[in-house]
């Protein structure tokens, strides 16, 4: 059960697993001969020849790297390129994890190797085990920062059979995803997949669905996912961290890096380092926030975690300050708080304490009903990518309204209700 715990006196916190405040990021880049050269689709055969697809990958990696390193000084990055040694698997790891951005050139060795084999080699480098001779070039080991989370950004255009997954033909087979599952489970890693689909339209659907099965949850992709029983995210209906196309926009980059830059896994705040002396201080964590710091007079502290907010002895919200501990995951919108609230903001604060309306059923498979405590004036439903799914007034005096969501794709939607009293509130709808 999710709770906010306030222990201001003599409370001793036991069994807390303390995590670091950063993320180790691996950019795993497809460098096989299917990645096009500067002339379009001609395979690359020489070291350093950039290529149009490769150029887009390189530019996107550089932009993500800049974003990740700029948002948290404890984040670290590395780049691993794969395309095989001769006819077998192989990767080139550019460096150990580093907190400085760097450029790199295209590496070319041979035509062998697949994505899943390269992921197994990444596991070897992380675990410090000895891979087959010559399969890892450059840096042979990857030394994790103690406590840091791990994220793999995979850039590939590989087809589903043999390259993206192993060479077993059947779908929904956990063995096909074993390389990814092993890395996810052994290092609690997340996968972000940037896929440039095949030009063969008939094979694109299964390629995208398999890539979605590799990608971790809470992302912009809400289409069909190839499932497998050992998927750590199998229980969730949320979108996956998958984007198609190597030439990423700034908006897409922000979407892919938000969970790294806006939210740590577990956050520990201590005094005096984390004392809040500014007008407003927003803190987010995916799972827990543990605080023993001070919020000074006239400052605002807002602690927003998915499972627990624990205030230990030493935590102090001074006279004249404002503090709120709120249980909601990182993907929820961060609620603004200020020392001087307008009437609209006071209503928002009130809405935090009491739900203005309810959604049933939620998750929904077809229709869902909005039930309000007062008459409903207007309803808007939007998807995570900003598409307006429903936008209309409610005629007459009604406290209940039903909407058909049968055509919505699986994922998360925002439902905003305006009442006849002028109050507005937004809640999540999950569509199965």
Protein backbone atom coordinates (compact mmCIF):
# COMPACT_ATOMS: atom_id res chain seq x y z
CA UNK A 1 0.00 0.00 0.00
CA UNK A 2 1.29 3.44 -0.94
CA UNK A 3 1.63 5.78 1.99
CA UNK A 4 3.28 9.00 3.08
CA UNK A 5 5.15 8.41 6.33
CA UNK A 6 5.94 11.25 8.72
CA UNK A 7 8.22 10.31 11.59
CA UNK A 8 9.45 13.50 13.22
CA UNK A 9 10.80 12.02 16.47
CA UNK A 10 12.93 9.02 17.45
CA UNK A 11 12.21 7.15 14.23
CA UNK A 12 14.98 4.87 13.03
CA UNK A 13 14.70 3.94 9.36
CA UNK A 14 15.64 0.30 8.84
CA UNK A 15 16.33 -1.75 5.72
CA UNK A 16 16.58 1.23 3.37
CA UNK A 17 18.53 0.43 0.22
CA UNK A 18 20.41 3.60 -0.66
CA UNK A 19 20.85 4.25 -4.37
CA UNK A 20 23.10 6.67 -6.18
CA UNK A 21 21.69 9.79 -7.71
CA UNK A 22 22.80 9.26 -11.30
CA UNK A 23 22.53 6.94 -14.30
CA UNK A 24 25.17 5.04 -16.26
CA UNK A 25 24.15 5.21 -19.94
CA UNK A 26 25.31 2.90 -22.74
CA UNK A 27 24.68 3.96 -26.34
CA UNK A 28 24.65 0.65 -28.25
CA UNK A 29 24.92 1.56 -31.94
CA UNK A 30 24.16 -0.65 -34.93
CA UNK A 31 27.13 -0.37 -37.25
CA UNK A 32 26.39 -3.34 -39.52
CA UNK A 33 26.59 -3.06 -43.29
CA UNK A 34 22.83 -2.43 -43.51
CA UNK A 35 23.35 1.06 -42.04
CA UNK A 36 23.44 3.23 -45.15
CA UNK A 37 26.35 5.24 -46.46
CA UNK A 38 26.25 8.78 -47.77
CA UNK A 39 24.87 7.63 -51.10
CA UNK A 40 21.70 6.21 -49.54
CA UNK A 41 21.53 2.44 -49.14
CA UNK A 42 25.07 1.43 -50.17
CA UNK A 43 26.69 -0.62 -47.39
CA UNK A 44 29.69 0.86 -45.66
CA UNK A 45 32.96 -0.97 -46.28
CA UNK A 46 35.64 1.37 -44.95
CA UNK A 47 36.48 2.80 -41.57
CA UNK A 48 35.13 6.26 -40.90
CA UNK A 49 32.74 6.56 -43.86
CA UNK A 50 29.82 8.36 -42.20
CA UNK A 51 26.65 7.41 -44.10
CA UNK A 52 23.26 9.13 -43.97
CA UNK A 53 21.73 6.76 -41.41
CA UNK A 54 24.94 6.68 -39.41
CA UNK A 55 25.12 10.47 -39.44
CA UNK A 56 21.59 10.65 -38.00
CA UNK A 57 22.51 8.11 -35.32
CA UNK A 58 25.69 10.00 -34.45
CA UNK A 59 23.92 13.37 -34.21
CA UNK A 60 21.13 11.93 -32.07
CA UNK A 61 23.59 10.20 -29.74
CA UNK A 62 25.55 13.43 -29.34
CA UNK A 63 22.37 15.37 -28.52
CA UNK A 64 21.19 12.77 -25.97
CA UNK A 65 24.67 12.59 -24.47
CA UNK A 66 24.73 16.38 -24.02
CA UNK A 67 21.27 16.32 -22.41
CA UNK A 68 22.07 13.45 -20.04
CA UNK A 69 25.42 14.82 -18.89
CA UNK A 70 24.05 18.35 -18.58
CA UNK A 71 21.09 17.50 -16.37
CA UNK A 72 22.97 15.59 -13.65
CA UNK A 73 26.71 15.72 -12.91
CA UNK A 74 26.54 12.14 -11.58
CA UNK A 75 25.38 10.70 -14.91
CA UNK A 76 27.99 8.89 -17.00
CA UNK A 77 28.02 7.66 -20.61
CA UNK A 78 29.80 5.36 -23.01
CA UNK A 79 29.34 4.25 -26.63
CA UNK A 80 29.54 0.69 -27.97
CA UNK A 81 29.35 0.00 -31.71
CA UNK A 82 28.59 -3.44 -33.08
CA UNK A 83 28.83 -5.14 -36.46
CA UNK A 84 30.89 -8.27 -35.99
CA UNK A 85 34.43 -9.52 -36.28
CA UNK A 86 34.54 -11.31 -39.61
CA UNK A 87 31.34 -13.37 -39.62
CA UNK A 88 30.90 -13.53 -35.84
CA UNK A 89 29.65 -11.10 -33.18
CA UNK A 90 31.77 -8.19 -32.02
CA UNK A 91 31.55 -4.75 -30.43
CA UNK A 92 33.87 -1.78 -30.04
CA UNK A 93 33.47 -0.05 -26.66
CA UNK A 94 34.74 3.50 -27.03
CA UNK A 95 35.55 4.10 -23.36
CA UNK A 96 34.70 3.22 -19.81
CA UNK A 97 31.80 5.20 -18.35
CA UNK A 98 32.73 8.89 -18.38
CA UNK A 99 31.13 12.14 -17.23
CA UNK A 100 32.51 14.03 -20.26
CA UNK A 101 30.95 14.04 -23.72
CA UNK A 102 33.13 12.80 -26.56
CA UNK A 103 33.12 12.29 -30.30
CA UNK A 104 33.74 8.95 -32.00
CA UNK A 105 34.21 7.56 -35.50
CA UNK A 106 32.49 4.72 -37.27
CA UNK A 107 34.03 1.32 -36.59
CA UNK A 108 33.92 -1.40 -39.23
CA UNK A 109 35.21 -4.94 -38.91
CA UNK A 110 33.02 -7.40 -40.77
CA UNK A 111 29.47 -8.40 -41.62
CA UNK A 112 28.71 -10.80 -38.75
CA UNK A 113 27.01 -10.28 -35.45
CA UNK A 114 23.51 -9.49 -34.24
CA UNK A 115 21.97 -7.13 -31.72
CA UNK A 116 21.19 -9.83 -29.16
CA UNK A 117 24.76 -11.19 -29.40
CA UNK A 118 26.09 -7.67 -28.85
CA UNK A 119 23.90 -7.31 -25.75
CA UNK A 120 25.46 -10.50 -24.39
CA UNK A 121 28.90 -8.96 -24.94
CA UNK A 122 27.78 -5.83 -23.08
CA UNK A 123 26.79 -8.11 -20.20
CA UNK A 124 30.29 -9.64 -20.27
CA UNK A 125 31.89 -6.20 -20.09
CA UNK A 126 29.64 -5.17 -17.19
CA UNK A 127 30.14 -8.42 -15.31
CA UNK A 128 33.90 -8.49 -15.82
CA UNK A 129 33.72 -11.95 -17.41
CA UNK A 130 36.04 -12.96 -20.23
CA UNK A 131 34.31 -13.01 -23.63
CA UNK A 132 35.58 -15.05 -26.60
CA UNK A 133 38.89 -13.73 -27.94
CA UNK A 134 38.59 -10.58 -30.03
CA UNK A 135 34.85 -10.09 -29.68
CA UNK A 136 35.29 -6.91 -27.63
CA UNK A 137 37.56 -4.18 -28.93
CA UNK A 138 38.51 -0.88 -27.30
CA UNK A 139 37.62 -0.79 -23.61
CA UNK A 140 37.22 -4.37 -22.41
CA UNK A 141 35.38 -3.59 -19.18
CA UNK A 142 32.63 -1.27 -18.07
CA UNK A 143 32.99 -0.21 -14.44
CA UNK A 144 29.63 0.84 -13.00
CA UNK A 145 29.30 3.78 -10.63
CA UNK A 146 28.17 2.23 -7.32
CA UNK A 147 24.44 2.80 -6.89
CA UNK A 148 23.86 4.41 -10.29
CA UNK A 149 20.96 3.18 -12.41
CA UNK A 150 21.74 1.65 -15.82
CA UNK A 151 20.09 2.55 -19.14
CA UNK A 152 20.87 1.22 -22.62
CA UNK A 153 19.96 3.34 -25.66
CA UNK A 154 19.82 0.89 -28.58
CA UNK A 155 19.98 2.32 -32.12
CA UNK A 156 19.27 -0.32 -34.77
CA UNK A 157 17.50 -1.14 -38.03
CA UNK A 158 17.85 -4.90 -37.53
CA UNK A 159 15.06 -7.24 -38.64
CA UNK A 160 13.28 -9.36 -36.08
CA UNK A 161 14.59 -12.82 -36.99
CA UNK A 162 18.28 -13.63 -36.46
CA UNK A 163 19.45 -10.05 -35.91
CA UNK A 164 17.21 -8.29 -33.39
CA UNK A 165 16.28 -11.57 -31.68
CA UNK A 166 17.78 -15.05 -31.88
CA UNK A 167 17.08 -17.35 -34.82
CA UNK A 168 14.03 -19.10 -33.42
CA UNK A 169 11.05 -18.42 -35.67
CA UNK A 170 8.16 -18.49 -33.19
CA UNK A 171 6.87 -15.36 -31.50
CA UNK A 172 6.20 -14.65 -27.81
CA UNK A 173 9.08 -16.96 -26.88
CA UNK A 174 11.04 -15.93 -23.76
CA UNK A 175 14.20 -17.56 -25.15
CA UNK A 176 14.20 -15.09 -28.02
CA UNK A 177 14.52 -12.20 -25.58
CA UNK A 178 16.93 -13.91 -23.18
CA UNK A 179 19.88 -11.57 -23.86
CA UNK A 180 17.80 -8.50 -23.02
CA UNK A 181 15.99 -10.12 -20.09
CA UNK A 182 19.30 -11.19 -18.55
CA UNK A 183 20.71 -7.66 -18.70
CA UNK A 184 17.46 -6.12 -17.40
CA UNK A 185 17.26 -8.48 -14.44
CA UNK A 186 20.93 -8.77 -13.50
CA UNK A 187 21.63 -5.01 -13.63
CA UNK A 188 18.09 -3.61 -13.19
CA UNK A 189 18.65 -1.88 -16.50
CA UNK A 190 16.17 -0.05 -18.71
CA UNK A 191 16.17 -0.22 -22.51
CA UNK A 192 15.36 2.70 -24.79
CA UNK A 193 15.04 1.57 -28.41
CA UNK A 194 15.47 3.89 -31.39
CA UNK A 195 14.45 1.84 -34.43
CA UNK A 196 14.59 2.73 -38.10
CA UNK A 197 12.13 0.23 -39.58
CA UNK A 198 12.96 -1.93 -42.60
CA UNK A 199 12.02 -0.60 -46.03
CA UNK A 200 10.09 -3.88 -46.54
CA UNK A 201 6.63 -2.86 -45.31
CA UNK A 202 5.41 -6.43 -44.84
CA UNK A 203 8.13 -7.05 -42.21
CA UNK A 204 7.87 -3.73 -40.37
CA UNK A 205 5.00 -4.64 -38.03
CA UNK A 206 6.71 -7.66 -36.48
CA UNK A 207 10.02 -5.75 -36.32
CA UNK A 208 8.44 -2.85 -34.44
CA UNK A 209 6.49 -5.14 -32.10
CA UNK A 210 9.66 -7.08 -31.20
CA UNK A 211 11.55 -3.82 -30.59
CA UNK A 212 8.69 -2.71 -28.31
CA UNK A 213 9.11 -5.97 -26.37
CA UNK A 214 12.76 -5.05 -25.77
CA UNK A 215 11.98 -1.46 -24.76
CA UNK A 216 11.17 -0.71 -21.12
CA UNK A 217 7.83 0.66 -19.96
CA UNK A 218 6.68 4.27 -19.54
CA UNK A 219 7.50 5.54 -23.02
CA UNK A 220 5.75 7.18 -25.99
CA UNK A 221 5.01 3.98 -27.97
CA UNK A 222 1.50 2.63 -27.27
CA UNK A 223 1.08 0.14 -30.12
CA UNK A 224 1.23 -3.66 -30.11
CA UNK A 225 4.06 -5.26 -28.12
CA UNK A 226 5.45 -8.74 -28.77
CA UNK A 227 5.04 -10.30 -25.36
CA UNK A 228 7.10 -12.87 -23.54
CA UNK A 229 6.57 -14.31 -20.03
CA UNK A 230 9.89 -13.17 -18.57
CA UNK A 231 9.46 -9.52 -19.57
CA UNK A 232 10.10 -7.41 -16.42
CA UNK A 233 7.47 -4.97 -17.76
CA UNK A 234 4.92 -7.63 -18.72
CA UNK A 235 2.47 -6.60 -16.00
CA UNK A 236 2.19 -3.00 -17.18
CA UNK A 237 -0.09 -1.61 -19.85
CA UNK A 238 1.86 1.62 -20.11
CA UNK A 239 3.65 2.68 -23.28
CA UNK A 240 7.19 1.57 -24.15
CA UNK A 241 10.41 3.56 -24.53
CA UNK A 242 10.48 3.13 -28.33
CA UNK A 243 10.77 5.75 -31.08
CA UNK A 244 11.05 5.04 -34.81
CA UNK A 245 13.56 6.95 -36.95
CA UNK A 246 17.21 7.80 -36.27
CA UNK A 247 16.88 11.55 -36.86
CA UNK A 248 15.46 12.52 -33.47
CA UNK A 249 13.86 15.90 -32.84
CA UNK A 250 14.53 17.90 -29.69
CA UNK A 251 11.04 16.98 -28.46
CA UNK A 252 11.73 13.26 -28.94
CA UNK A 253 15.08 13.59 -27.17
CA UNK A 254 13.39 15.29 -24.22
CA UNK A 255 10.83 12.48 -24.14
CA UNK A 256 13.53 9.79 -24.13
CA UNK A 257 15.70 11.46 -21.48
CA UNK A 258 12.97 12.72 -19.15
CA UNK A 259 13.10 9.69 -16.86
CA UNK A 260 16.88 10.14 -16.49
CA UNK A 261 16.94 13.91 -16.13
CA UNK A 262 13.73 14.49 -14.17
CA UNK A 263 13.65 11.49 -11.95
CA UNK A 264 16.08 9.31 -10.04
CA UNK A 265 15.26 5.83 -8.73
CA UNK A 266 15.55 6.55 -5.00
CA UNK A 267 16.47 9.96 -3.59
CA UNK A 268 18.07 10.66 -0.21
CA UNK A 269 18.06 14.31 0.96
CA UNK A 270 20.24 15.38 3.90
CA UNK A 271 20.99 18.62 5.71
CA UNK A 272 22.71 21.01 5.05
CA UNK A 273 23.51 19.98 1.46
CA UNK A 274 19.87 19.63 0.43
CA UNK A 275 18.32 22.38 2.57
CA UNK A 276 15.65 24.26 0.62
CA UNK A 277 16.34 27.98 0.64
CA UNK A 278 15.00 28.90 -2.81
CA UNK A 279 11.44 30.01 -3.55
CA UNK A 280 10.50 26.57 -4.90
CA UNK A 281 12.26 23.20 -4.90
CA UNK A 282 10.71 20.25 -6.76
CA UNK A 283 12.16 16.77 -6.14
CA UNK A 284 11.11 13.61 -7.96
CA UNK A 285 11.99 9.94 -7.56
CA UNK A 286 10.64 6.87 -9.28
CA UNK A 287 10.25 4.92 -6.03
CA UNK A 288 11.19 6.70 -2.80
CA UNK A 289 12.34 9.97 -1.27
CA UNK A 290 13.95 9.90 2.18
CA UNK A 291 14.46 13.36 3.67
CA UNK A 292 16.21 14.75 6.76
CA UNK A 293 16.77 18.26 5.40
CA UNK A 294 15.29 21.68 6.18
CA UNK A 295 12.85 23.85 4.21
CA UNK A 296 13.47 27.41 5.36
CA UNK A 297 10.88 30.14 5.89
CA UNK A 298 9.22 31.44 2.69
CA UNK A 299 10.52 28.47 0.67
CA UNK A 300 8.44 25.70 -0.93
CA UNK A 301 9.43 22.03 -0.98
CA UNK A 302 7.57 19.56 -3.16
CA UNK A 303 8.56 15.86 -2.87
CA UNK A 304 7.03 13.60 -5.46
CA UNK A 305 7.74 9.83 -5.41
CA UNK A 306 6.07 6.72 -6.80
CA UNK A 307 5.91 4.66 -3.60
CA UNK A 308 7.05 6.37 -0.39
CA UNK A 309 8.04 9.77 0.97
CA UNK A 310 9.82 9.24 4.31
CA UNK A 311 10.59 12.22 6.56
CA UNK A 312 13.28 11.21 9.03
CA UNK A 313 14.37 12.89 12.27
CA UNK A 314 16.04 16.15 11.27
CA UNK A 315 13.50 17.03 8.59
CA UNK A 316 12.07 20.48 9.34
CA UNK A 317 9.62 22.67 7.45
CA UNK A 318 10.12 26.09 9.05
CA UNK A 319 7.38 28.52 10.00
CA UNK A 320 6.29 30.33 6.86
CA UNK A 321 7.44 27.57 4.48
CA UNK A 322 5.25 25.22 2.48
CA UNK A 323 5.74 21.48 2.04
CA UNK A 324 3.90 18.68 0.28
CA UNK A 325 4.78 15.00 0.00
CA UNK A 326 2.89 13.43 -2.89
CA UNK A 327 2.66 9.81 -4.02
CA UNK A 328 2.69 9.58 -7.80
CA UNK A 329 5.17 8.13 -10.30
CA UNK A 330 7.64 10.13 -12.35
CA UNK A 331 5.42 10.05 -15.42
CA UNK A 332 2.74 12.11 -13.64
CA UNK A 333 2.85 15.85 -14.30
CA UNK A 334 4.78 17.80 -11.71
CA UNK A 335 2.39 20.10 -9.86
CA UNK A 336 3.52 23.67 -9.44
CA UNK A 337 3.58 25.22 -5.97
CA UNK A 338 4.34 28.82 -4.99
CA UNK A 339 4.54 30.76 -1.75
CA UNK A 340 1.83 33.16 -2.95
CA UNK A 341 -1.11 31.30 -4.49
CA UNK A 342 -3.70 32.74 -6.85
CA UNK A 343 -7.35 31.72 -6.55
CA UNK A 344 -6.89 29.24 -9.42
CA UNK A 345 -3.85 27.76 -7.69
CA UNK A 346 -5.77 27.48 -4.42
CA UNK A 347 -8.40 25.49 -6.31
CA UNK A 348 -5.64 23.25 -7.70
CA UNK A 349 -4.34 22.68 -4.18
CA UNK A 350 -7.86 21.80 -3.06
CA UNK A 351 -8.19 19.38 -5.97
CA UNK A 352 -5.05 17.59 -4.79
CA UNK A 353 -6.75 16.82 -1.53
CA UNK A 354 -10.18 15.81 -2.93
CA UNK A 355 -10.86 14.19 -6.29
CA UNK A 356 -13.30 16.32 -8.24
CA UNK A 357 -14.40 13.32 -10.30
CA UNK A 358 -13.83 9.59 -10.73
CA UNK A 359 -13.22 7.41 -13.81
CA UNK A 360 -14.72 3.95 -14.02
CA UNK A 361 -13.58 1.46 -15.11
CA UNK A 362 -9.93 2.45 -15.02
CA UNK A 363 -8.15 0.74 -16.76
CA UNK A 364 -10.82 0.74 -19.47
CA UNK A 365 -11.16 -1.56 -22.46
CA UNK A 366 -14.00 0.13 -24.35
CA UNK A 367 -16.20 2.75 -22.69
CA UNK A 368 -15.50 4.65 -19.47
CA UNK A 369 -17.72 6.83 -17.30
CA UNK A 370 -16.81 10.09 -15.60
CA UNK A 371 -18.70 10.67 -12.34
CA UNK A 372 -18.44 14.13 -10.77
CA UNK A 373 -19.55 15.58 -7.46
CA UNK A 374 -20.97 18.61 -9.31
CA UNK A 375 -22.38 19.19 -12.79
CA UNK A 376 -19.89 18.68 -15.63
CA UNK A 377 -19.48 21.49 -18.16
CA UNK A 378 -16.66 20.31 -20.46
CA UNK A 379 -14.45 17.22 -20.95
CA UNK A 380 -11.14 16.88 -22.81
CA UNK A 381 -9.21 13.64 -23.37
CA UNK A 382 -5.65 13.81 -24.72
CA UNK A 383 -2.93 11.24 -25.41
CA UNK A 384 0.63 11.47 -24.12
CA UNK A 385 1.83 12.76 -27.49
CA UNK A 386 -0.70 15.62 -27.39
CA UNK A 387 -3.45 14.25 -29.67
CA UNK A 388 -6.94 15.37 -28.66
CA UNK A 389 -9.10 12.23 -28.50
CA UNK A 390 -12.24 13.91 -27.18
CA UNK A 391 -13.16 17.56 -26.66
CA UNK A 392 -16.74 18.57 -25.98
CA UNK A 393 -19.28 20.30 -23.78
CA UNK A 394 -21.72 18.33 -21.65
CA UNK A 395 -25.23 19.58 -22.35
CA UNK A 396 -27.73 19.98 -19.57
CA UNK A 397 -27.02 19.40 -15.92
CA UNK A 398 -25.22 16.08 -15.62
CA UNK A 399 -22.82 14.69 -13.04
CA UNK A 400 -22.15 11.56 -15.08
CA UNK A 401 -20.91 11.17 -18.65
CA UNK A 402 -19.81 8.12 -20.68
CA UNK A 403 -17.19 8.19 -23.46
CA UNK A 404 -16.41 5.48 -26.02
CA UNK A 405 -12.66 4.72 -25.98
CA UNK A 406 -12.86 1.58 -28.11
CA UNK A 407 -10.78 3.15 -30.90
CA UNK A 408 -8.03 4.38 -28.54
CA UNK A 409 -4.71 2.52 -28.65
CA UNK A 410 -3.32 1.00 -25.46
CA UNK A 411 -1.63 3.55 -23.23
CA UNK A 412 -2.16 6.46 -20.86
CA UNK A 413 -4.50 9.39 -21.51
CA UNK A 414 -5.21 12.61 -19.63
CA UNK A 415 -8.86 13.32 -18.80
CA UNK A 416 -9.58 16.97 -17.91
CA UNK A 417 -12.97 17.94 -16.49
CA UNK A 418 -14.32 21.49 -16.15
CA UNK A 419 -17.32 21.81 -13.83
CA UNK A 420 -20.06 24.42 -13.92
CA UNK A 421 -18.52 25.94 -10.78
CA UNK A 422 -15.32 26.70 -12.72
CA UNK A 423 -13.18 24.00 -11.09
CA UNK A 424 -10.79 22.02 -13.30
CA UNK A 425 -8.99 18.77 -12.59
CA UNK A 426 -6.98 16.30 -14.67
CA UNK A 427 -6.68 12.58 -13.98
CA UNK A 428 -5.10 9.60 -15.75
CA UNK A 429 -7.00 7.07 -17.83
CA UNK A 430 -5.31 3.78 -18.71
CA UNK A 431 -6.61 2.14 -21.89
CA UNK A 432 -6.08 -1.62 -22.15
